[in-house]
Amino acid sequence: MAIKVGDPAPDFTIPDQHGRPTTLSEVNSPTLIVFFPAAFTPVCQSELAALREADLRGTTVLAISCDSPYALRAFAESEGLPFALLSDFWPHGDVARAYGAFHADRGIAGRLSVLVDGAGVVRARWESPAGQAREVSEYLGAIAVLERA
């Protein structure tokens, strides 16, 4: 089932690209969760590069794929990504499933993003079809609305 605006964000603990556990409920700021299909693919590279360049005004970015932490570390280093890339590798796709982003037929996460406020509630949601990047400007607009709330 897909997560909706107003739902509590499912909590999770999964490793980052360095193998360190990251728990959503321990992040002390608004959080942009960005599910992406795979490291080293053109659309994912351009999307995450756009996030790297954006001024997200104190919002934490957690980018999640079903790739292994080893692949994500190489990807983060190659692309100069300053935010956490989280591995939903094992159990395979559990976090993506909890958010309604997992494509079981392909074994990957789809292009789903959610903005979670400091209380753990989903305040915005975006989804794009395969091969189509999400717009960073939409994230920035939702972050600005959250700041004013």
N, C-alpha and C. Protein backbone atom coordinates (compact mmCIF):
# COMPACT_ATOMS: atom_id res chain seq x y z
N MET A 1 0.84 -1.19 0.00
CA MET A 1 0.00 0.00 0.00
C MET A 1 0.89 1.25 0.00
N ALA A 2 0.56 2.19 -0.83
CA ALA A 2 1.36 3.41 -0.94
C ALA A 2 1.09 4.33 0.25
N ILE A 3 2.13 4.95 0.72
CA ILE A 3 2.02 5.90 1.82
C ILE A 3 1.37 7.18 1.32
N LYS A 4 0.61 7.84 2.19
CA LYS A 4 -0.10 9.06 1.81
C LYS A 4 0.31 10.22 2.70
N VAL A 5 0.09 11.43 2.21
CA VAL A 5 0.32 12.63 3.01
C VAL A 5 -0.58 12.55 4.24
N GLY A 6 0.01 12.84 5.40
CA GLY A 6 -0.71 12.76 6.67
C GLY A 6 -0.47 11.47 7.42
N ASP A 7 0.06 10.44 6.73
CA ASP A 7 0.38 9.17 7.39
C ASP A 7 1.64 9.33 8.24
N PRO A 8 1.75 8.54 9.31
CA PRO A 8 3.04 8.48 10.01
C PRO A 8 4.05 7.77 9.10
N ALA A 9 5.25 8.29 9.05
CA ALA A 9 6.30 7.66 8.23
C ALA A 9 6.76 6.38 8.92
N PRO A 10 6.75 5.24 8.22
CA PRO A 10 7.25 4.02 8.84
C PRO A 10 8.71 4.19 9.26
N ASP A 11 8.99 3.85 10.51
CA ASP A 11 10.37 3.96 10.99
C ASP A 11 11.20 2.82 10.41
N PHE A 12 12.47 3.03 10.31
CA PHE A 12 13.37 2.00 9.80
C PHE A 12 14.77 2.23 10.33
N THR A 13 15.55 1.18 10.30
CA THR A 13 16.99 1.24 10.56
C THR A 13 17.65 0.38 9.50
N ILE A 14 18.43 1.02 8.63
CA ILE A 14 19.18 0.31 7.60
C ILE A 14 20.56 0.96 7.48
N PRO A 15 21.54 0.23 6.91
CA PRO A 15 22.90 0.77 6.84
C PRO A 15 23.07 1.81 5.74
N ASP A 16 23.97 2.76 6.03
CA ASP A 16 24.35 3.73 5.00
C ASP A 16 25.47 3.14 4.15
N GLN A 17 26.03 3.96 3.29
CA GLN A 17 27.06 3.50 2.36
C GLN A 17 28.35 3.09 3.06
N HIS A 18 28.48 3.41 4.35
CA HIS A 18 29.66 3.02 5.12
C HIS A 18 29.35 1.87 6.08
N GLY A 19 28.13 1.34 6.01
CA GLY A 19 27.73 0.25 6.88
C GLY A 19 27.19 0.68 8.23
N ARG A 20 27.11 1.99 8.47
CA ARG A 20 26.59 2.50 9.75
C ARG A 20 25.07 2.49 9.73
N PRO A 21 24.45 2.00 10.81
CA PRO A 21 22.99 1.99 10.85
C PRO A 21 22.42 3.41 10.92
N THR A 22 21.37 3.65 10.17
CA THR A 22 20.67 4.93 10.17
C THR A 22 19.20 4.65 10.49
N THR A 23 18.69 5.37 11.50
CA THR A 23 17.30 5.19 11.94
C THR A 23 16.54 6.49 11.69
N LEU A 24 15.44 6.39 10.97
CA LEU A 24 14.66 7.59 10.63
C LEU A 24 14.26 8.36 11.88
N SER A 25 13.76 7.70 12.90
CA SER A 25 13.25 8.40 14.09
C SER A 25 14.34 9.10 14.89
N GLU A 26 15.60 8.83 14.58
CA GLU A 26 16.71 9.50 15.26
C GLU A 26 17.20 10.74 14.53
N VAL A 27 16.64 11.02 13.35
CA VAL A 27 17.00 12.23 12.61
C VAL A 27 16.25 13.39 13.24
N ASN A 28 16.98 14.43 13.60
CA ASN A 28 16.37 15.55 14.32
C ASN A 28 16.09 16.75 13.43
N SER A 29 15.54 16.51 12.27
CA SER A 29 15.19 17.60 11.35
C SER A 29 14.15 17.06 10.37
N PRO A 30 13.51 17.95 9.62
CA PRO A 30 12.69 17.45 8.52
C PRO A 30 13.57 16.59 7.61
N THR A 31 12.98 15.55 7.04
CA THR A 31 13.76 14.59 6.27
C THR A 31 13.10 14.35 4.92
N LEU A 32 13.91 14.43 3.87
CA LEU A 32 13.47 14.09 2.53
C LEU A 32 13.98 12.68 2.24
N ILE A 33 13.06 11.73 2.11
CA ILE A 33 13.41 10.35 1.78
C ILE A 33 13.23 10.19 0.28
N VAL A 34 14.30 9.81 -0.39
CA VAL A 34 14.29 9.68 -1.84
C VAL A 34 14.63 8.24 -2.20
N PHE A 35 13.63 7.47 -2.63
CA PHE A 35 13.89 6.12 -3.12
C PHE A 35 14.35 6.24 -4.57
N PHE A 36 15.40 5.49 -4.93
CA PHE A 36 15.85 5.50 -6.31
C PHE A 36 16.17 4.07 -6.75
N PRO A 37 15.99 3.77 -8.05
CA PRO A 37 16.13 2.39 -8.52
C PRO A 37 17.52 1.79 -8.39
N ALA A 38 18.56 2.49 -8.82
CA ALA A 38 19.87 1.84 -8.83
C ALA A 38 21.00 2.86 -8.97
N ALA A 39 22.10 2.55 -8.29
CA ALA A 39 23.31 3.36 -8.41
C ALA A 39 23.85 3.27 -9.84
N PHE A 40 24.56 4.30 -10.25
CA PHE A 40 25.25 4.34 -11.54
C PHE A 40 24.32 4.25 -12.74
N THR A 41 23.09 4.72 -12.60
CA THR A 41 22.19 4.79 -13.75
C THR A 41 21.94 6.27 -14.05
N PRO A 42 21.77 6.63 -15.31
CA PRO A 42 21.77 8.05 -15.70
C PRO A 42 20.74 8.93 -14.98
N VAL A 43 19.50 8.50 -14.89
CA VAL A 43 18.48 9.35 -14.26
C VAL A 43 18.76 9.49 -12.77
N CYS A 44 19.15 8.39 -12.13
CA CYS A 44 19.47 8.46 -10.69
C CYS A 44 20.67 9.39 -10.45
N GLN A 45 21.66 9.30 -11.32
CA GLN A 45 22.83 10.18 -11.18
C GLN A 45 22.41 11.64 -11.29
N SER A 46 21.59 11.97 -12.28
CA SER A 46 21.21 13.38 -12.46
C SER A 46 20.31 13.86 -11.32
N GLU A 47 19.40 13.02 -10.86
CA GLU A 47 18.52 13.41 -9.75
C GLU A 47 19.32 13.69 -8.48
N LEU A 48 20.20 12.78 -8.13
CA LEU A 48 20.96 12.95 -6.89
C LEU A 48 21.97 14.09 -7.01
N ALA A 49 22.51 14.32 -8.22
CA ALA A 49 23.39 15.47 -8.42
C ALA A 49 22.62 16.78 -8.22
N ALA A 50 21.38 16.83 -8.68
CA ALA A 50 20.56 18.03 -8.47
C ALA A 50 20.30 18.26 -6.98
N LEU A 51 20.08 17.19 -6.23
CA LEU A 51 19.91 17.32 -4.77
C LEU A 51 21.20 17.81 -4.12
N ARG A 52 22.32 17.31 -4.63
CA ARG A 52 23.63 17.73 -4.10
C ARG A 52 23.80 19.24 -4.23
N GLU A 53 23.32 19.81 -5.31
CA GLU A 53 23.51 21.23 -5.59
C GLU A 53 22.43 22.11 -4.95
N ALA A 54 21.34 21.54 -4.50
CA ALA A 54 20.21 22.33 -3.98
C ALA A 54 20.45 22.79 -2.55
N ASP A 55 19.88 23.95 -2.23
CA ASP A 55 19.88 24.45 -0.85
C ASP A 55 18.59 23.97 -0.20
N LEU A 56 18.71 22.89 0.56
CA LEU A 56 17.54 22.26 1.17
C LEU A 56 17.24 22.80 2.56
N ARG A 57 17.90 23.90 2.94
CA ARG A 57 17.60 24.65 4.16
C ARG A 57 17.46 23.77 5.41
N GLY A 58 18.46 22.95 5.67
CA GLY A 58 18.47 22.16 6.91
C GLY A 58 17.70 20.86 6.85
N THR A 59 17.14 20.53 5.71
CA THR A 59 16.44 19.26 5.57
C THR A 59 17.46 18.15 5.33
N THR A 60 17.33 17.06 6.06
CA THR A 60 18.21 15.91 5.90
C THR A 60 17.73 15.08 4.71
N VAL A 61 18.66 14.67 3.86
CA VAL A 61 18.33 13.79 2.73
C VAL A 61 18.78 12.38 3.07
N LEU A 62 17.87 11.44 2.91
CA LEU A 62 18.18 10.01 3.00
C LEU A 62 17.77 9.39 1.67
N ALA A 63 18.75 9.03 0.85
CA ALA A 63 18.48 8.42 -0.45
C ALA A 63 18.59 6.91 -0.28
N ILE A 64 17.57 6.18 -0.71
CA ILE A 64 17.48 4.74 -0.44
C ILE A 64 17.34 3.97 -1.74
N SER A 65 18.15 2.92 -1.89
CA SER A 65 17.98 1.97 -2.99
C SER A 65 18.19 0.56 -2.45
N CYS A 66 17.91 -0.42 -3.28
CA CYS A 66 18.10 -1.82 -2.91
C CYS A 66 19.51 -2.31 -3.24
N ASP A 67 20.40 -1.39 -3.60
CA ASP A 67 21.80 -1.74 -3.85
C ASP A 67 22.50 -2.07 -2.53
N SER A 68 23.62 -2.77 -2.63
CA SER A 68 24.42 -3.09 -1.45
C SER A 68 25.13 -1.83 -0.94
N PRO A 69 25.52 -1.81 0.33
CA PRO A 69 26.28 -0.66 0.84
C PRO A 69 27.57 -0.43 0.04
N TYR A 70 28.18 -1.50 -0.45
CA TYR A 70 29.44 -1.37 -1.20
C TYR A 70 29.22 -0.61 -2.51
N ALA A 71 28.15 -0.96 -3.22
CA ALA A 71 27.83 -0.24 -4.46
C ALA A 71 27.49 1.21 -4.16
N LEU A 72 26.76 1.45 -3.07
CA LEU A 72 26.37 2.81 -2.73
C LEU A 72 27.57 3.66 -2.32
N ARG A 73 28.54 3.05 -1.64
CA ARG A 73 29.75 3.80 -1.27
C ARG A 73 30.51 4.23 -2.52
N ALA A 74 30.68 3.31 -3.47
CA ALA A 74 31.37 3.65 -4.72
C ALA A 74 30.60 4.73 -5.48
N PHE A 75 29.29 4.63 -5.49
CA PHE A 75 28.44 5.62 -6.18
C PHE A 75 28.57 6.99 -5.52
N ALA A 76 28.47 7.04 -4.19
CA ALA A 76 28.58 8.32 -3.47
C ALA A 76 29.93 8.97 -3.71
N GLU A 77 30.99 8.18 -3.68
CA GLU A 77 32.33 8.72 -3.91
C GLU A 77 32.48 9.21 -5.35
N SER A 78 31.98 8.45 -6.30
CA SER A 78 32.07 8.82 -7.71
C SER A 78 31.33 10.12 -8.02
N GLU A 79 30.17 10.30 -7.38
CA GLU A 79 29.32 11.45 -7.66
C GLU A 79 29.51 12.61 -6.68
N GLY A 80 30.33 12.43 -5.64
CA GLY A 80 30.53 13.48 -4.64
C GLY A 80 29.27 13.81 -3.87
N LEU A 81 28.51 12.79 -3.50
CA LEU A 81 27.24 13.01 -2.81
C LEU A 81 27.48 13.18 -1.32
N PRO A 82 27.04 14.30 -0.74
CA PRO A 82 27.33 14.60 0.67
C PRO A 82 26.31 14.04 1.65
N PHE A 83 25.27 13.41 1.17
CA PHE A 83 24.22 12.90 2.05
C PHE A 83 24.26 11.37 2.09
N ALA A 84 23.51 10.81 3.04
CA ALA A 84 23.51 9.37 3.25
C ALA A 84 22.79 8.65 2.11
N LEU A 85 23.43 7.60 1.61
CA LEU A 85 22.80 6.65 0.70
C LEU A 85 22.56 5.40 1.52
N LEU A 86 21.31 5.01 1.66
CA LEU A 86 20.96 3.89 2.53
C LEU A 86 20.65 2.65 1.71
N SER A 87 21.10 1.51 2.23
CA SER A 87 20.96 0.24 1.54
C SER A 87 19.77 -0.55 2.08
N ASP A 88 18.79 -0.75 1.23
CA ASP A 88 17.61 -1.57 1.53
C ASP A 88 17.81 -2.96 0.91
N PHE A 89 19.07 -3.41 0.97
CA PHE A 89 19.49 -4.64 0.29
C PHE A 89 18.97 -5.89 0.98
N TRP A 90 19.06 -5.93 2.31
CA TRP A 90 18.63 -7.12 3.03
C TRP A 90 18.02 -6.76 4.37
N PRO A 91 16.85 -7.27 4.72
CA PRO A 91 15.98 -8.05 3.84
C PRO A 91 15.57 -7.19 2.63
N HIS A 92 15.65 -7.79 1.48
CA HIS A 92 15.58 -7.07 0.21
C HIS A 92 14.30 -6.26 0.06
N GLY A 93 14.45 -4.94 0.03
CA GLY A 93 13.35 -4.04 -0.26
C GLY A 93 12.34 -3.84 0.86
N ASP A 94 12.66 -4.22 2.09
CA ASP A 94 11.68 -4.09 3.18
C ASP A 94 11.23 -2.65 3.42
N VAL A 95 12.17 -1.71 3.39
CA VAL A 95 11.79 -0.31 3.62
C VAL A 95 10.98 0.21 2.43
N ALA A 96 11.43 -0.09 1.23
CA ALA A 96 10.68 0.32 0.04
C ALA A 96 9.26 -0.26 0.07
N ARG A 97 9.12 -1.49 0.50
CA ARG A 97 7.78 -2.10 0.62
C ARG A 97 6.92 -1.32 1.62
N ALA A 98 7.51 -0.95 2.76
CA ALA A 98 6.76 -0.23 3.80
C ALA A 98 6.22 1.10 3.29
N TYR A 99 6.91 1.70 2.32
CA TYR A 99 6.49 2.98 1.75
C TYR A 99 5.70 2.83 0.45
N GLY A 100 5.55 1.60 -0.02
CA GLY A 100 4.85 1.37 -1.28
C GLY A 100 5.68 1.69 -2.49
N ALA A 101 7.00 1.60 -2.36
CA ALA A 101 7.89 1.97 -3.47
C ALA A 101 8.57 0.78 -4.13
N PHE A 102 8.38 -0.43 -3.61
CA PHE A 102 9.12 -1.59 -4.12
C PHE A 102 8.44 -2.18 -5.35
N HIS A 103 9.24 -2.46 -6.38
CA HIS A 103 8.76 -3.13 -7.59
C HIS A 103 9.27 -4.57 -7.53
N ALA A 104 8.45 -5.48 -7.03
CA ALA A 104 8.87 -6.87 -6.82
C ALA A 104 9.26 -7.55 -8.13
N ASP A 105 8.60 -7.18 -9.22
CA ASP A 105 8.90 -7.81 -10.50
C ASP A 105 10.31 -7.49 -11.00
N ARG A 106 10.87 -6.37 -10.55
CA ARG A 106 12.21 -5.97 -10.98
C ARG A 106 13.22 -6.00 -9.83
N GLY A 107 12.74 -6.13 -8.59
CA GLY A 107 13.63 -6.18 -7.43
C GLY A 107 14.27 -4.86 -7.08
N ILE A 108 13.60 -3.75 -7.45
CA ILE A 108 14.17 -2.42 -7.20
C ILE A 108 13.12 -1.51 -6.57
N ALA A 109 13.60 -0.42 -6.01
CA ALA A 109 12.70 0.63 -5.53
C ALA A 109 12.34 1.53 -6.71
N GLY A 110 11.12 2.00 -6.70
CA GLY A 110 10.70 2.97 -7.71
C GLY A 110 11.07 4.38 -7.29
N ARG A 111 10.70 5.34 -8.12
CA ARG A 111 11.01 6.75 -7.87
C ARG A 111 9.94 7.39 -7.01
N LEU A 112 10.04 7.16 -5.71
CA LEU A 112 9.12 7.73 -4.74
C LEU A 112 9.92 8.59 -3.78
N SER A 113 9.40 9.76 -3.46
CA SER A 113 10.02 10.64 -2.46
C SER A 113 8.94 11.08 -1.49
N VAL A 114 9.33 11.22 -0.22
CA VAL A 114 8.42 11.76 0.78
C VAL A 114 9.18 12.76 1.64
N LEU A 115 8.47 13.81 2.04
CA LEU A 115 9.01 14.78 2.99
C LEU A 115 8.36 14.51 4.33
N VAL A 116 9.18 14.23 5.34
CA VAL A 116 8.71 13.88 6.67
C VAL A 116 9.05 15.03 7.61
N ASP A 117 8.07 15.49 8.39
CA ASP A 117 8.34 16.58 9.33
C ASP A 117 9.04 16.04 10.58
N GLY A 118 9.39 16.93 11.49
CA GLY A 118 10.11 16.55 12.70
C GLY A 118 9.33 15.63 13.62
N ALA A 119 8.00 15.57 13.46
CA ALA A 119 7.16 14.69 14.27
C ALA A 119 6.97 13.32 13.62
N GLY A 120 7.60 13.11 12.45
CA GLY A 120 7.50 11.82 11.79
C GLY A 120 6.27 11.62 10.93
N VAL A 121 5.66 12.73 10.49
CA VAL A 121 4.46 12.67 9.66
C VAL A 121 4.83 13.04 8.22
N VAL A 122 4.29 12.29 7.26
CA VAL A 122 4.53 12.58 5.84
C VAL A 122 3.76 13.85 5.48
N ARG A 123 4.49 14.87 5.00
CA ARG A 123 3.88 16.16 4.65
C ARG A 123 3.79 16.39 3.15
N ALA A 124 4.54 15.63 2.36
CA ALA A 124 4.47 15.74 0.90
C ALA A 124 4.94 14.42 0.31
N ARG A 125 4.48 14.14 -0.91
CA ARG A 125 4.81 12.88 -1.57
C ARG A 125 4.91 13.12 -3.08
N TRP A 126 5.89 12.50 -3.71
CA TRP A 126 6.07 12.60 -5.16
C TRP A 126 6.40 11.21 -5.69
N GLU A 127 5.93 10.94 -6.89
CA GLU A 127 6.27 9.67 -7.54
C GLU A 127 6.39 9.92 -9.03
N SER A 128 7.42 9.34 -9.63
CA SER A 128 7.65 9.48 -11.06
C SER A 128 7.80 8.10 -11.68
N PRO A 129 7.41 7.95 -12.94
CA PRO A 129 7.59 6.66 -13.61
C PRO A 129 9.07 6.41 -13.91
N ALA A 130 9.38 5.17 -14.23
CA ALA A 130 10.75 4.79 -14.58
C ALA A 130 11.26 5.70 -15.69
N GLY A 131 12.50 6.13 -15.54
CA GLY A 131 13.13 6.95 -16.55
C GLY A 131 12.83 8.43 -16.49
N GLN A 132 11.99 8.85 -15.56
CA GLN A 132 11.63 10.27 -15.44
C GLN A 132 12.07 10.80 -14.08
N ALA A 133 12.91 11.82 -14.11
CA ALA A 133 13.43 12.42 -12.87
C ALA A 133 12.35 13.22 -12.16
N ARG A 134 12.47 13.27 -10.85
CA ARG A 134 11.62 14.14 -10.04
C ARG A 134 12.25 15.53 -10.02
N GLU A 135 11.43 16.55 -9.85
CA GLU A 135 11.90 17.94 -9.90
C GLU A 135 12.30 18.43 -8.51
N VAL A 136 13.54 18.86 -8.36
CA VAL A 136 14.02 19.38 -7.08
C VAL A 136 13.23 20.62 -6.68
N SER A 137 12.77 21.41 -7.65
CA SER A 137 12.00 22.61 -7.33
C SER A 137 10.73 22.26 -6.55
N GLU A 138 10.15 21.11 -6.80
CA GLU A 138 8.96 20.69 -6.05
C GLU A 138 9.33 20.40 -4.60
N TYR A 139 10.48 19.78 -4.38
CA TYR A 139 10.95 19.55 -3.01
C TYR A 139 11.13 20.88 -2.29
N LEU A 140 11.77 21.83 -2.97
CA LEU A 140 12.05 23.13 -2.35
C LEU A 140 10.76 23.85 -1.96
N GLY A 141 9.75 23.77 -2.82
CA GLY A 141 8.47 24.38 -2.51
C GLY A 141 7.82 23.76 -1.28
N ALA A 142 7.87 22.44 -1.18
CA ALA A 142 7.27 21.76 -0.02
C ALA A 142 8.06 22.04 1.25
N ILE A 143 9.38 22.14 1.14
CA ILE A 143 10.20 22.47 2.31
C ILE A 143 9.86 23.88 2.80
N ALA A 144 9.67 24.82 1.86
CA ALA A 144 9.30 26.19 2.24
C ALA A 144 7.96 26.22 2.96
N VAL A 145 6.99 25.45 2.48
CA VAL A 145 5.68 25.38 3.14
C VAL A 145 5.83 24.80 4.54
N LEU A 146 6.63 23.77 4.68
CA LEU A 146 6.86 23.14 5.99
C LEU A 146 7.52 24.12 6.95
N GLU A 147 8.43 24.93 6.45
CA GLU A 147 9.10 25.93 7.30
C GLU A 147 8.11 26.96 7.83
N ARG A 148 7.11 27.31 7.02
CA ARG A 148 6.13 28.32 7.43
C ARG A 148 5.06 27.77 8.37
N ALA A 149 4.94 26.45 8.42
CA ALA A 149 3.87 25.83 9.24
C ALA A 149 4.15 25.93 10.73
